[in-house]
Structures are given as C-alpha cells and as structure tokens.
Amino acid sequence: YLRRRQSLSYIYTNELGRIFDKGLKVPFTVSHSTYPRIVLLFLRGEVSIETMVILDDFLGFTNKFDKYYENDIIWPRISKKIGKYRPFLKYDKPKMKNILKNVMTK
C-alpha cells in the first residue's frame, strides 16, 4: 500500500498510457455487447482503483455508466467500490490533472 501511495503519479501515468492508447473516446464508449475499455482494463487488473478514482474526479464517467448499466450485475459493484475508496485517496490534483492533459494531447 505504501509503495503504491508513494509512486502514485508514476503508476497513474503508466496506466493512462494503457487506457488512451486506442484514442481519447474509446475508453468511455458504452455499448450493449461489452463494457467500456476502462472497465475491462480495471477488471483485468491493468488499471488500479486509484486511477479509476482520479479519472472519475476529473471526467465523471461513473454517473454516465451508472445510468447506462443500472440493471447490470458487475458495474454497480465497481461503481460502489470507486465511491467508497474516494474519501481515502489523497493526491495532488493539479499534478494529476497536468499528467492527464499531457497524455491526452499526445
């Protein structure tokens, strides 16, 4: 836990590279046949809960997914986990926002 907290910006940067390697809109595109890319990466363990919380703070994707997947089995659990983890995650917002801008402009 301490190792992840101390290297949060490094982990966040690497995971953003994985999330946005196919384009900016692809990770958040919802469909009936599959989950959005960001959810699939989280379920595979390629994206951490910390990155999910930080991205949701900036982009607010959980509200959209909550409405779309309200009758789903898996998404409500993930959304609940993100919401419960949020108060415990302390991070440098301007630094993380800057990292997100840099990754999105590449």
N, C-alpha and C. Protein backbone atom coordinates (compact mmCIF):
# COMPACT_ATOMS: atom_id res chain seq x y z
N TYR A 1 0.83 -1.19 0.00
CA TYR A 1 0.00 0.00 0.00
C TYR A 1 0.87 1.25 0.00
N LEU A 2 1.87 1.30 0.86
CA LEU A 2 2.74 2.47 0.94
C LEU A 2 3.51 2.68 -0.36
N ARG A 3 3.97 1.59 -0.95
CA ARG A 3 4.70 1.69 -2.22
C ARG A 3 3.81 2.30 -3.29
N ARG A 4 2.55 1.85 -3.35
CA ARG A 4 1.62 2.39 -4.35
C ARG A 4 1.31 3.86 -4.07
N ARG A 5 1.18 4.24 -2.82
CA ARG A 5 0.89 5.63 -2.47
C ARG A 5 2.06 6.54 -2.84
N GLN A 6 3.28 6.07 -2.60
CA GLN A 6 4.45 6.89 -2.87
C GLN A 6 4.74 7.02 -4.36
N SER A 7 4.34 6.04 -5.14
CA SER A 7 4.60 6.09 -6.58
C SER A 7 3.30 6.28 -7.37
N LEU A 8 2.34 6.98 -6.78
CA LEU A 8 1.03 7.15 -7.40
C LEU A 8 1.10 7.84 -8.76
N SER A 9 1.89 8.89 -8.88
CA SER A 9 1.96 9.60 -10.16
C SER A 9 2.60 8.73 -11.24
N TYR A 10 3.57 7.92 -10.89
CA TYR A 10 4.21 7.02 -11.85
C TYR A 10 3.22 5.96 -12.32
N ILE A 11 2.52 5.34 -11.39
CA ILE A 11 1.53 4.32 -11.72
C ILE A 11 0.41 4.93 -12.57
N TYR A 12 -0.06 6.10 -12.16
CA TYR A 12 -1.13 6.80 -12.87
C TYR A 12 -0.73 7.10 -14.31
N THR A 13 0.48 7.59 -14.52
CA THR A 13 0.97 7.91 -15.87
C THR A 13 1.02 6.66 -16.74
N ASN A 14 1.55 5.57 -16.21
CA ASN A 14 1.64 4.32 -16.97
C ASN A 14 0.26 3.78 -17.33
N GLU A 15 -0.65 3.85 -16.38
CA GLU A 15 -1.99 3.32 -16.62
C GLU A 15 -2.76 4.19 -17.62
N LEU A 16 -2.53 5.50 -17.59
CA LEU A 16 -3.16 6.37 -18.58
C LEU A 16 -2.70 6.02 -19.98
N GLY A 17 -1.43 5.66 -20.11
CA GLY A 17 -0.91 5.22 -21.41
C GLY A 17 -1.65 4.00 -21.92
N ARG A 18 -1.95 3.06 -21.02
CA ARG A 18 -2.71 1.87 -21.41
C ARG A 18 -4.15 2.21 -21.77
N ILE A 19 -4.74 3.11 -21.01
CA ILE A 19 -6.15 3.45 -21.21
C ILE A 19 -6.36 4.18 -22.54
N PHE A 20 -5.51 5.15 -22.83
CA PHE A 20 -5.72 6.01 -24.00
C PHE A 20 -4.89 5.61 -25.22
N ASP A 21 -4.35 4.39 -25.25
CA ASP A 21 -3.53 4.00 -26.40
C ASP A 21 -4.35 3.79 -27.68
N LYS A 22 -5.65 3.63 -27.56
CA LYS A 22 -6.51 3.44 -28.75
C LYS A 22 -7.26 4.71 -29.14
N GLY A 23 -7.05 5.80 -28.42
CA GLY A 23 -7.75 7.04 -28.72
C GLY A 23 -8.42 7.60 -27.47
N LEU A 24 -8.92 8.81 -27.58
CA LEU A 24 -9.48 9.50 -26.41
C LEU A 24 -10.88 9.07 -26.05
N LYS A 25 -11.72 8.78 -27.04
CA LYS A 25 -13.11 8.44 -26.74
C LYS A 25 -13.31 6.95 -26.51
N VAL A 26 -12.44 6.12 -26.99
CA VAL A 26 -12.59 4.67 -26.91
C VAL A 26 -12.75 4.16 -25.48
N PRO A 27 -12.00 4.62 -24.49
CA PRO A 27 -12.11 4.06 -23.15
C PRO A 27 -13.47 4.27 -22.49
N PHE A 28 -14.26 5.22 -22.95
CA PHE A 28 -15.51 5.56 -22.29
C PHE A 28 -16.73 5.30 -23.16
N THR A 29 -16.57 4.60 -24.28
CA THR A 29 -17.67 4.31 -25.17
C THR A 29 -18.48 3.15 -24.63
N VAL A 30 -19.78 3.36 -24.43
CA VAL A 30 -20.64 2.32 -23.90
C VAL A 30 -21.36 1.61 -25.03
N SER A 31 -21.61 0.31 -24.84
CA SER A 31 -22.36 -0.47 -25.82
C SER A 31 -23.08 -1.60 -25.09
N HIS A 32 -24.04 -2.20 -25.76
CA HIS A 32 -24.80 -3.29 -25.15
C HIS A 32 -24.01 -4.59 -25.11
N SER A 33 -23.07 -4.74 -26.01
CA SER A 33 -22.38 -6.01 -26.12
C SER A 33 -21.20 -6.17 -25.16
N THR A 34 -20.60 -5.07 -24.72
CA THR A 34 -19.44 -5.17 -23.85
C THR A 34 -19.32 -3.92 -22.98
N TYR A 35 -18.47 -4.00 -21.98
CA TYR A 35 -18.20 -2.85 -21.12
C TYR A 35 -17.24 -1.90 -21.82
N PRO A 36 -17.19 -0.65 -21.36
CA PRO A 36 -16.18 0.29 -21.89
C PRO A 36 -14.77 -0.22 -21.61
N ARG A 37 -13.83 0.21 -22.42
CA ARG A 37 -12.44 -0.24 -22.31
C ARG A 37 -11.86 -0.02 -20.91
N ILE A 38 -12.17 1.11 -20.29
CA ILE A 38 -11.61 1.41 -18.98
C ILE A 38 -12.08 0.40 -17.93
N VAL A 39 -13.32 -0.05 -18.04
CA VAL A 39 -13.86 -1.04 -17.11
C VAL A 39 -13.21 -2.40 -17.34
N LEU A 40 -13.03 -2.76 -18.60
CA LEU A 40 -12.38 -4.04 -18.91
C LEU A 40 -10.94 -4.07 -18.40
N LEU A 41 -10.23 -2.96 -18.56
CA LEU A 41 -8.85 -2.90 -18.05
C LEU A 41 -8.82 -2.99 -16.54
N PHE A 42 -9.79 -2.39 -15.88
CA PHE A 42 -9.88 -2.48 -14.41
C PHE A 42 -10.16 -3.92 -13.99
N LEU A 43 -11.09 -4.57 -14.66
CA LEU A 43 -11.43 -5.96 -14.32
C LEU A 43 -10.26 -6.91 -14.55
N ARG A 44 -9.43 -6.61 -15.54
CA ARG A 44 -8.24 -7.43 -15.81
C ARG A 44 -7.09 -7.13 -14.86
N GLY A 45 -7.20 -6.07 -14.07
CA GLY A 45 -6.13 -5.70 -13.15
C GLY A 45 -5.06 -4.84 -13.78
N GLU A 46 -5.32 -4.31 -14.98
CA GLU A 46 -4.34 -3.46 -15.66
C GLU A 46 -4.46 -2.00 -15.26
N VAL A 47 -5.56 -1.65 -14.61
CA VAL A 47 -5.79 -0.29 -14.12
C VAL A 47 -6.18 -0.40 -12.65
N SER A 48 -5.56 0.41 -11.81
CA SER A 48 -5.81 0.35 -10.37
C SER A 48 -7.04 1.15 -9.97
N ILE A 49 -7.51 0.88 -8.77
CA ILE A 49 -8.65 1.62 -8.23
C ILE A 49 -8.30 3.10 -8.06
N GLU A 50 -7.05 3.40 -7.76
CA GLU A 50 -6.62 4.79 -7.60
C GLU A 50 -6.78 5.57 -8.91
N THR A 51 -6.38 4.96 -10.01
CA THR A 51 -6.52 5.62 -11.31
C THR A 51 -7.99 5.81 -11.66
N MET A 52 -8.81 4.82 -11.35
CA MET A 52 -10.25 4.94 -11.61
C MET A 52 -10.84 6.11 -10.82
N VAL A 53 -10.46 6.25 -9.56
CA VAL A 53 -10.99 7.33 -8.72
C VAL A 53 -10.53 8.69 -9.25
N ILE A 54 -9.25 8.81 -9.58
CA ILE A 54 -8.72 10.08 -10.08
C ILE A 54 -9.39 10.47 -11.40
N LEU A 55 -9.51 9.53 -12.33
CA LEU A 55 -10.16 9.83 -13.60
C LEU A 55 -11.63 10.19 -13.42
N ASP A 56 -12.29 9.52 -12.49
CA ASP A 56 -13.69 9.85 -12.25
C ASP A 56 -13.83 11.24 -11.64
N ASP A 57 -12.88 11.64 -10.81
CA ASP A 57 -12.91 13.00 -10.26
C ASP A 57 -12.82 14.05 -11.37
N PHE A 58 -11.99 13.79 -12.37
CA PHE A 58 -11.81 14.75 -13.46
C PHE A 58 -12.86 14.63 -14.56
N LEU A 59 -13.26 13.41 -14.90
CA LEU A 59 -14.12 13.18 -16.06
C LEU A 59 -15.56 12.82 -15.70
N GLY A 60 -15.79 12.32 -14.50
CA GLY A 60 -17.14 11.99 -14.06
C GLY A 60 -17.83 10.91 -14.88
N PHE A 61 -17.12 9.87 -15.24
CA PHE A 61 -17.71 8.84 -16.08
C PHE A 61 -18.63 7.89 -15.33
N THR A 62 -18.52 7.78 -14.01
CA THR A 62 -19.35 6.82 -13.28
C THR A 62 -20.83 7.19 -13.33
N ASN A 63 -21.16 8.47 -13.35
CA ASN A 63 -22.57 8.86 -13.45
C ASN A 63 -23.19 8.37 -14.76
N LYS A 64 -22.44 8.50 -15.85
CA LYS A 64 -22.92 8.04 -17.16
C LYS A 64 -23.07 6.53 -17.15
N PHE A 65 -22.08 5.83 -16.63
CA PHE A 65 -22.12 4.37 -16.60
C PHE A 65 -23.21 3.87 -15.65
N ASP A 66 -23.43 4.58 -14.53
CA ASP A 66 -24.48 4.18 -13.59
C ASP A 66 -25.84 4.18 -14.26
N LYS A 67 -26.11 5.17 -15.07
CA LYS A 67 -27.39 5.25 -15.77
C LYS A 67 -27.49 4.17 -16.85
N TYR A 68 -26.42 3.95 -17.56
CA TYR A 68 -26.43 3.01 -18.67
C TYR A 68 -26.47 1.56 -18.20
N TYR A 69 -25.73 1.25 -17.14
CA TYR A 69 -25.63 -0.12 -16.64
C TYR A 69 -26.36 -0.32 -15.31
N GLU A 70 -27.49 0.35 -15.12
CA GLU A 70 -28.19 0.28 -13.85
C GLU A 70 -28.73 -1.12 -13.54
N ASN A 71 -29.05 -1.92 -14.53
CA ASN A 71 -29.57 -3.27 -14.31
C ASN A 71 -28.51 -4.34 -14.50
N ASP A 72 -27.25 -3.94 -14.48
CA ASP A 72 -26.13 -4.85 -14.69
C ASP A 72 -25.73 -5.49 -13.36
N ILE A 73 -24.99 -6.57 -13.43
CA ILE A 73 -24.55 -7.26 -12.22
C ILE A 73 -23.20 -6.74 -11.74
N ILE A 74 -22.28 -6.49 -12.66
CA ILE A 74 -20.90 -6.16 -12.30
C ILE A 74 -20.68 -4.67 -12.07
N TRP A 75 -21.18 -3.81 -12.96
CA TRP A 75 -20.86 -2.39 -12.87
C TRP A 75 -21.26 -1.75 -11.53
N PRO A 76 -22.44 -2.01 -10.97
CA PRO A 76 -22.77 -1.36 -9.68
C PRO A 76 -21.77 -1.65 -8.57
N ARG A 77 -21.18 -2.83 -8.58
CA ARG A 77 -20.15 -3.16 -7.58
C ARG A 77 -18.89 -2.31 -7.78
N ILE A 78 -18.50 -2.15 -9.04
CA ILE A 78 -17.32 -1.34 -9.35
C ILE A 78 -17.58 0.12 -8.98
N SER A 79 -18.74 0.62 -9.33
CA SER A 79 -19.11 2.00 -9.01
C SER A 79 -19.12 2.24 -7.50
N LYS A 80 -19.64 1.29 -6.78
CA LYS A 80 -19.68 1.38 -5.31
C LYS A 80 -18.26 1.39 -4.73
N LYS A 81 -17.41 0.54 -5.28
CA LYS A 81 -16.02 0.47 -4.83
C LYS A 81 -15.30 1.80 -5.07
N ILE A 82 -15.52 2.39 -6.24
CA ILE A 82 -14.92 3.70 -6.56
C ILE A 82 -15.41 4.75 -5.58
N GLY A 83 -16.71 4.76 -5.32
CA GLY A 83 -17.28 5.75 -4.41
C GLY A 83 -16.79 5.60 -2.98
N LYS A 84 -16.62 4.36 -2.53
CA LYS A 84 -16.16 4.14 -1.15
C LYS A 84 -14.66 4.40 -0.99
N TYR A 85 -13.89 4.23 -2.06
CA TYR A 85 -12.44 4.45 -1.98
C TYR A 85 -12.08 5.93 -2.06
N ARG A 86 -12.95 6.72 -2.71
CA ARG A 86 -12.68 8.14 -2.96
C ARG A 86 -12.26 8.93 -1.71
N PRO A 87 -12.94 8.83 -0.57
CA PRO A 87 -12.54 9.65 0.58
C PRO A 87 -11.15 9.30 1.15
N PHE A 88 -10.66 8.12 0.86
CA PHE A 88 -9.38 7.69 1.41
C PHE A 88 -8.19 8.02 0.51
N LEU A 89 -8.44 8.44 -0.71
CA LEU A 89 -7.36 8.72 -1.65
C LEU A 89 -7.02 10.21 -1.62
N LYS A 90 -5.85 10.51 -1.15
CA LYS A 90 -5.35 11.89 -1.14
C LYS A 90 -4.26 11.99 -2.20
N TYR A 91 -4.40 12.98 -3.09
CA TYR A 91 -3.42 13.14 -4.16
C TYR A 91 -3.35 14.61 -4.55
N ASP A 92 -2.30 14.94 -5.28
CA ASP A 92 -2.05 16.30 -5.76
C ASP A 92 -2.87 16.53 -7.04
N LYS A 93 -4.04 17.17 -6.90
CA LYS A 93 -4.95 17.34 -8.04
C LYS A 93 -4.33 18.09 -9.21
N PRO A 94 -3.67 19.23 -8.99
CA PRO A 94 -3.09 19.93 -10.15
C PRO A 94 -2.05 19.08 -10.90
N LYS A 95 -1.25 18.33 -10.16
CA LYS A 95 -0.23 17.49 -10.79
C LYS A 95 -0.88 16.38 -11.62
N MET A 96 -1.90 15.73 -11.07
CA MET A 96 -2.57 14.65 -11.78
C MET A 96 -3.35 15.18 -12.99
N LYS A 97 -3.92 16.35 -12.86
CA LYS A 97 -4.63 16.96 -13.98
C LYS A 97 -3.66 17.30 -15.11
N ASN A 98 -2.48 17.78 -14.74
CA ASN A 98 -1.45 18.10 -15.73
C ASN A 98 -0.98 16.83 -16.45
N ILE A 99 -0.82 15.75 -15.71
CA ILE A 99 -0.41 14.48 -16.32
C ILE A 99 -1.49 14.02 -17.31
N LEU A 100 -2.77 14.15 -16.92
CA LEU A 100 -3.86 13.77 -17.80
C LEU A 100 -3.87 14.61 -19.07
N LYS A 101 -3.66 15.91 -18.94
CA LYS A 101 -3.61 16.79 -20.11
C LYS A 101 -2.47 16.39 -21.04
N ASN A 102 -1.31 16.10 -20.47
CA ASN A 102 -0.16 15.72 -21.29
C ASN A 102 -0.42 14.43 -22.05
N VAL A 103 -1.04 13.45 -21.41
CA VAL A 103 -1.32 12.18 -22.07
C VAL A 103 -2.37 12.36 -23.16
N MET A 104 -3.37 13.19 -22.90
CA MET A 104 -4.44 13.38 -23.87
C MET A 104 -4.02 14.21 -25.08
N THR A 105 -2.99 15.03 -24.93
CA THR A 105 -2.54 15.85 -26.06
C THR A 105 -1.53 15.13 -26.95
N LYS A 106 -1.04 13.97 -26.52
CA LYS A 106 -0.09 13.21 -27.34
C LYS A 106 -0.76 12.62 -28.54
